[in-house]
């Protein structure tokens, strides 16, 4: 099975769980300047400089210096409103109070995307697992399936923000992978083994399944999702996803497992209707995502 690396999953588990904030990872060996030089856009440099606690993920032994993880995690902090420059102790204290979160999604352009406004917001764990039980039972019983890493790391763990919040958790995880892929692709170039792309595809599927299941079972929540403000939010989110996927040439460079286990779920036309409805005003976005 081609899972995310242990470091990536550890970073995910430590930095987005609101119930407990883990211990320090091993520190880098003084290659900060070389790592910083991989950043090109002001939007990347801005969040790198603001959220210095994420610098612990700089890895001098990695060809990317671990910067795809650094920027992925800094994106979460910026989305969630974490104050700039807090140390580990301050960060743990800040995360211990969920009321501190003031969500405002940070787009790859550096602009803000706000937060969706949903009074009726079903928990992703319930919605996504129901969708899988109804439509993809085989995945839930297949420990070798690539999606299992994401189910175990995010959806099934009720302490994870992505397990209980669509507007914050699912959105920020997809956004973190979007920003991470932008960095990883730039350093590695197009081709296979873009781990952040696995995450973009995995969370696109979670977003797709959430929308499809809510549309089918919860008309009140679906009506809220389709307000003008919320549609703008989702369009901007999916537009960024399509941009980084196309830059990575995903249509031509996915490996066999990435294509069969993740992309096939995102592009499966049987359950694409809700996402197509959300993107009806800009169909080119979904066409780019599913390689039409």
Protein backbone atom coordinates (compact mmCIF):
# COMPACT_ATOMS: atom_id res chain seq x y z
CA UNK A 1 0.00 0.00 0.00
CA UNK A 2 1.27 3.46 -0.89
CA UNK A 3 0.55 5.51 2.23
CA UNK A 4 1.52 9.01 3.17
CA UNK A 5 4.91 9.07 4.85
CA UNK A 6 5.08 8.66 8.62
CA UNK A 7 6.34 12.25 8.93
CA UNK A 8 3.40 13.63 6.98
CA UNK A 9 0.84 11.71 9.01
CA UNK A 10 2.57 12.67 12.26
CA UNK A 11 2.52 16.32 11.24
CA UNK A 12 -1.16 16.06 10.41
CA UNK A 13 -2.02 14.35 13.68
CA UNK A 14 -0.05 16.76 15.82
CA UNK A 15 -0.95 20.04 14.27
CA UNK A 16 -4.67 19.90 13.58
CA UNK A 17 -6.03 17.95 16.55
CA UNK A 18 -7.71 20.36 18.95
CA UNK A 19 -7.76 17.98 21.91
CA UNK A 20 -4.00 17.49 22.30
CA UNK A 21 -1.02 19.11 20.70
CA UNK A 22 1.95 16.77 20.40
CA UNK A 23 5.58 16.99 21.38
CA UNK A 24 8.28 18.61 19.29
CA UNK A 25 9.59 16.72 16.27
CA UNK A 26 13.32 16.47 15.63
CA UNK A 27 14.78 19.86 14.81
CA UNK A 28 16.43 20.86 11.55
CA UNK A 29 20.17 21.33 11.33
CA UNK A 30 20.46 24.93 10.23
CA UNK A 31 19.30 24.80 6.60
CA UNK A 32 16.63 27.45 7.13
CA UNK A 33 18.02 29.78 4.50
CA UNK A 34 18.16 27.09 1.82
CA UNK A 35 14.63 26.04 2.73
CA UNK A 36 13.41 29.63 2.59
CA UNK A 37 14.86 30.05 -0.90
CA UNK A 38 12.39 27.43 -2.18
CA UNK A 39 9.60 29.94 -1.57
CA UNK A 40 8.83 32.20 -4.52
CA UNK A 41 5.52 33.94 -3.89
CA UNK A 42 4.89 36.62 -1.27
CA UNK A 43 1.85 34.64 -0.06
CA UNK A 44 4.11 31.68 0.81
CA UNK A 45 6.75 33.82 2.50
CA UNK A 46 4.06 35.60 4.50
CA UNK A 47 2.73 32.49 6.22
CA UNK A 48 6.21 30.98 6.60
CA UNK A 49 7.37 34.07 8.49
CA UNK A 50 4.18 34.35 10.56
CA UNK A 51 4.01 30.78 11.81
CA UNK A 52 7.53 30.01 12.98
CA UNK A 53 6.50 26.98 15.05
CA UNK A 54 5.98 25.09 11.78
CA UNK A 55 9.70 25.49 11.01
CA UNK A 56 10.26 22.41 13.17
CA UNK A 57 9.27 20.40 10.09
CA UNK A 58 12.19 21.65 8.02
CA UNK A 59 14.16 18.55 7.06
CA UNK A 60 17.70 19.05 5.80
CA UNK A 61 17.84 15.45 4.58
CA UNK A 62 14.86 15.89 2.25
CA UNK A 63 15.14 17.05 -1.35
CA UNK A 64 12.31 19.48 -0.60
CA UNK A 65 13.60 20.46 2.86
CA UNK A 66 10.18 19.35 4.07
CA UNK A 67 8.78 22.69 2.92
CA UNK A 68 5.60 21.16 1.54
CA UNK A 69 4.79 20.11 5.12
CA UNK A 70 5.90 23.42 6.64
CA UNK A 71 3.64 25.38 4.29
CA UNK A 72 0.80 22.86 4.61
CA UNK A 73 0.77 23.32 8.39
CA UNK A 74 1.30 27.10 8.21
CA UNK A 75 -1.77 27.23 5.96
CA UNK A 76 -3.83 25.54 8.68
CA UNK A 77 -2.63 28.08 11.22
CA UNK A 78 -3.48 30.97 8.92
CA UNK A 79 -6.92 29.50 8.11
CA UNK A 80 -7.72 29.00 11.78
CA UNK A 81 -6.47 32.39 12.99
CA UNK A 82 -3.51 31.20 15.05
CA UNK A 83 -1.53 34.26 16.25
CA UNK A 84 1.84 34.91 14.63
CA UNK A 85 5.05 33.75 16.28
CA UNK A 86 3.59 31.73 19.14
CA UNK A 87 5.84 29.12 20.72
CA UNK A 88 4.93 25.50 21.39
CA UNK A 89 3.52 26.11 24.87
CA UNK A 90 1.48 29.11 23.72
CA UNK A 91 0.25 27.14 20.73
CA UNK A 92 -0.92 24.23 22.87
CA UNK A 93 -2.76 26.63 25.16
CA UNK A 94 -4.35 28.42 22.19
CA UNK A 95 -5.59 25.17 20.64
CA UNK A 96 -7.04 23.99 23.97
CA UNK A 97 -9.86 26.52 23.53
CA UNK A 98 -11.75 25.96 20.24
CA UNK A 99 -13.41 29.37 20.68
CA UNK A 100 -10.09 30.93 19.67
CA UNK A 101 -10.62 29.79 16.10
CA UNK A 102 -11.61 32.61 13.78
CA UNK A 103 -11.71 30.81 10.45
CA UNK A 104 -10.75 32.68 7.28
CA UNK A 105 -9.44 30.50 4.47
CA UNK A 106 -6.12 31.59 2.95
CA UNK A 107 -6.13 31.15 -0.84
CA UNK A 108 -2.96 30.44 -2.85
CA UNK A 109 -3.17 34.00 -4.16
CA UNK A 110 -2.84 35.31 -0.60
CA UNK A 111 -6.43 36.55 -0.63
CA UNK A 112 -9.03 35.56 1.95
CA UNK A 113 -12.00 33.32 1.34
CA UNK A 114 -13.83 33.60 4.67
CA UNK A 115 -15.84 30.65 5.99
CA UNK A 116 -19.01 29.02 4.76
CA UNK A 117 -22.03 29.92 6.86
CA UNK A 118 -24.11 26.85 7.70
CA UNK A 119 -26.61 26.65 10.56
CA UNK A 120 -27.28 23.02 9.65
CA UNK A 121 -23.83 21.50 9.28
CA UNK A 122 -23.83 17.70 9.58
CA UNK A 123 -20.61 16.16 10.86
CA UNK A 124 -18.33 14.90 8.08
CA UNK A 125 -17.68 11.59 9.84
CA UNK A 126 -21.37 10.68 9.79
CA UNK A 127 -22.02 11.97 6.28
CA UNK A 128 -18.90 10.56 4.62
CA UNK A 129 -19.11 7.14 6.25
CA UNK A 130 -22.78 6.88 5.29
CA UNK A 131 -21.85 7.77 1.73
CA UNK A 132 -19.17 5.08 1.65
CA UNK A 133 -21.43 2.46 3.23
CA UNK A 134 -24.06 3.17 0.60
CA UNK A 135 -21.87 3.50 -2.47
CA UNK A 136 -18.38 2.09 -1.82
CA UNK A 137 -18.69 -0.64 0.80
CA UNK A 138 -15.62 -2.39 -0.59
CA UNK A 139 -13.35 0.50 0.45
CA UNK A 140 -14.31 0.22 4.11
CA UNK A 141 -13.26 -3.44 4.19
CA UNK A 142 -10.08 -3.02 2.14
CA UNK A 143 -7.13 -2.16 4.37
CA UNK A 144 -4.88 -1.82 1.32
CA UNK A 145 -6.96 0.96 -0.24
CA UNK A 146 -5.17 4.30 -0.36
CA UNK A 147 -8.18 6.15 1.06
CA UNK A 148 -7.84 4.24 4.33
CA UNK A 149 -4.95 6.48 5.41
CA UNK A 150 -7.20 9.52 5.17
CA UNK A 151 -10.15 7.82 6.85
CA UNK A 152 -7.99 6.69 9.77
CA UNK A 153 -6.01 9.91 10.05
CA UNK A 154 -8.86 12.40 9.78
CA UNK A 155 -12.43 11.15 9.49
CA UNK A 156 -12.67 8.29 12.01
CA UNK A 157 -10.75 10.13 14.72
CA UNK A 158 -13.40 12.27 16.42
CA UNK A 159 -10.76 14.58 17.93
CA UNK A 160 -9.78 15.75 14.45
CA UNK A 161 -11.34 18.92 13.12
CA UNK A 162 -12.04 17.28 9.76
CA UNK A 163 -14.12 14.63 11.54
CA UNK A 164 -16.64 17.06 12.99
CA UNK A 165 -16.52 20.24 10.88
CA UNK A 166 -16.95 20.60 7.13
CA UNK A 167 -16.64 24.39 7.01
CA UNK A 168 -13.40 24.41 9.02
CA UNK A 169 -11.91 20.91 9.06
CA UNK A 170 -12.54 19.53 5.58
CA UNK A 171 -11.89 22.95 4.04
CA UNK A 172 -8.60 23.59 5.85
CA UNK A 173 -7.26 20.11 5.15
CA UNK A 174 -7.99 20.41 1.45
CA UNK A 175 -6.49 23.89 1.53
CA UNK A 176 -3.36 22.71 3.35
CA UNK A 177 -2.77 20.05 0.72
CA UNK A 178 -3.38 22.59 -2.05
CA UNK A 179 -0.67 24.87 -0.68
CA UNK A 180 1.61 21.91 0.05
CA UNK A 181 1.26 20.56 -3.49
CA UNK A 182 2.10 23.96 -4.94
CA UNK A 183 5.44 23.88 -3.10
CA UNK A 184 6.15 20.18 -3.65
CA UNK A 185 5.48 20.34 -7.39
CA UNK A 186 7.70 23.39 -7.80
CA UNK A 187 10.64 21.64 -6.12
CA UNK A 188 10.19 18.10 -7.45
CA UNK A 189 8.73 18.95 -10.84
CA UNK A 190 5.89 17.10 -12.51
CA UNK A 191 5.69 13.36 -12.12
CA UNK A 192 4.71 10.67 -9.70
CA UNK A 193 5.28 10.60 -5.95
CA UNK A 194 3.74 13.98 -5.18
CA UNK A 195 2.40 13.08 -1.75
CA UNK A 196 0.55 16.35 -1.28
CA UNK A 197 -1.40 15.53 -4.44
CA UNK A 198 -2.69 12.39 -2.75
CA UNK A 199 -4.15 14.68 -0.12
CA UNK A 200 -5.71 17.06 -2.63
CA UNK A 201 -7.43 14.14 -4.35
CA UNK A 202 -8.41 12.49 -1.07
CA UNK A 203 -10.04 15.62 0.29
CA UNK A 204 -11.68 16.46 -3.01
CA UNK A 205 -13.36 13.08 -2.71
CA UNK A 206 -14.41 13.80 0.88
CA UNK A 207 -15.85 17.16 -0.23
CA UNK A 208 -17.59 15.52 -3.18
CA UNK A 209 -19.08 12.74 -1.04
CA UNK A 210 -20.18 15.21 1.64
CA UNK A 211 -21.98 17.39 -0.91
CA UNK A 212 -23.58 14.39 -2.63
CA UNK A 213 -24.86 12.87 0.61
CA UNK A 214 -26.15 16.16 2.02
CA UNK A 215 -27.96 16.90 -1.24
CA UNK A 216 -29.63 13.49 -1.11
CA UNK A 217 -30.55 13.31 2.58
CA UNK A 218 -30.63 16.82 4.07
CA UNK A 219 -32.47 19.36 1.91
CA UNK A 220 -32.27 22.15 4.51
CA UNK A 221 -28.49 21.92 4.75
CA UNK A 222 -28.21 21.61 0.98
CA UNK A 223 -30.25 24.78 0.53
CA UNK A 224 -27.84 26.60 2.87
CA UNK A 225 -24.83 25.30 0.98
CA UNK A 226 -26.25 26.77 -2.21
CA UNK A 227 -26.54 30.35 -0.98
CA UNK A 228 -24.55 32.83 -3.06
CA UNK A 229 -21.93 33.38 -0.32
CA UNK A 230 -21.31 29.67 0.21
CA UNK A 231 -21.16 28.94 -3.50
CA UNK A 232 -18.51 31.64 -3.93
CA UNK A 233 -16.52 30.06 -1.12
CA UNK A 234 -16.65 26.58 -2.65
CA UNK A 235 -15.91 27.85 -6.14
CA UNK A 236 -12.74 29.58 -4.88
CA UNK A 237 -11.70 26.46 -2.97
CA UNK A 238 -12.20 24.12 -5.91
CA UNK A 239 -10.60 26.61 -8.29
CA UNK A 240 -7.39 26.54 -6.25
CA UNK A 241 -7.53 22.74 -6.22
CA UNK A 242 -7.90 22.61 -9.99
CA UNK A 243 -5.05 25.07 -10.45
CA UNK A 244 -2.48 23.08 -8.47
CA UNK A 245 -3.63 19.76 -9.95
CA UNK A 246 -3.25 21.07 -13.48
CA UNK A 247 0.15 22.56 -12.66
CA UNK A 248 1.23 19.11 -11.46
CA UNK A 249 -0.04 17.62 -14.75
CA UNK A 250 -2.12 15.14 -12.78
CA UNK A 251 -4.02 13.94 -15.83
CA UNK A 252 -0.81 12.47 -17.25
CA UNK A 253 1.49 11.76 -14.29
CA UNK A 254 -0.56 9.90 -11.67
CA UNK A 255 0.79 6.50 -10.71
CA UNK A 256 -1.47 3.46 -11.00
CA UNK A 257 -2.57 3.40 -7.36
CA UNK A 258 -3.12 7.15 -7.18
CA UNK A 259 -5.29 6.94 -10.27
CA UNK A 260 -7.26 3.87 -9.24
CA UNK A 261 -7.69 4.53 -5.51
CA UNK A 262 -8.16 8.32 -5.40
CA UNK A 263 -8.69 9.91 -8.79
CA UNK A 264 -11.24 7.27 -9.84
CA UNK A 265 -13.34 8.24 -6.81
CA UNK A 266 -13.11 11.96 -7.52
CA UNK A 267 -13.95 11.55 -11.20
CA UNK A 268 -16.64 8.86 -10.85
CA UNK A 269 -19.61 10.46 -12.68
CA UNK A 270 -22.24 8.54 -10.70
CA UNK A 271 -21.95 10.83 -7.68
CA UNK A 272 -20.61 14.02 -9.26
CA UNK A 273 -23.96 15.79 -9.61
CA UNK A 274 -23.84 17.83 -6.39
CA UNK A 275 -20.33 19.08 -7.07
CA UNK A 276 -21.30 19.91 -10.66
CA UNK A 277 -24.26 21.87 -9.33
CA UNK A 278 -22.00 23.87 -7.01
CA UNK A 279 -19.68 24.62 -9.94
CA UNK A 280 -22.42 25.17 -12.53
CA UNK A 281 -21.34 28.78 -13.14
CA UNK A 282 -17.72 27.71 -13.77
CA UNK A 283 -17.80 24.21 -15.26
CA UNK A 284 -14.20 24.49 -16.44
CA UNK A 285 -13.07 24.00 -12.84
CA UNK A 286 -14.57 20.53 -12.57
CA UNK A 287 -13.49 19.66 -16.10
CA UNK A 288 -9.87 20.35 -15.10
CA UNK A 289 -10.17 18.34 -11.88
CA UNK A 290 -11.61 15.23 -13.56
CA UNK A 291 -9.50 15.53 -16.76
CA UNK A 292 -12.33 15.92 -19.26
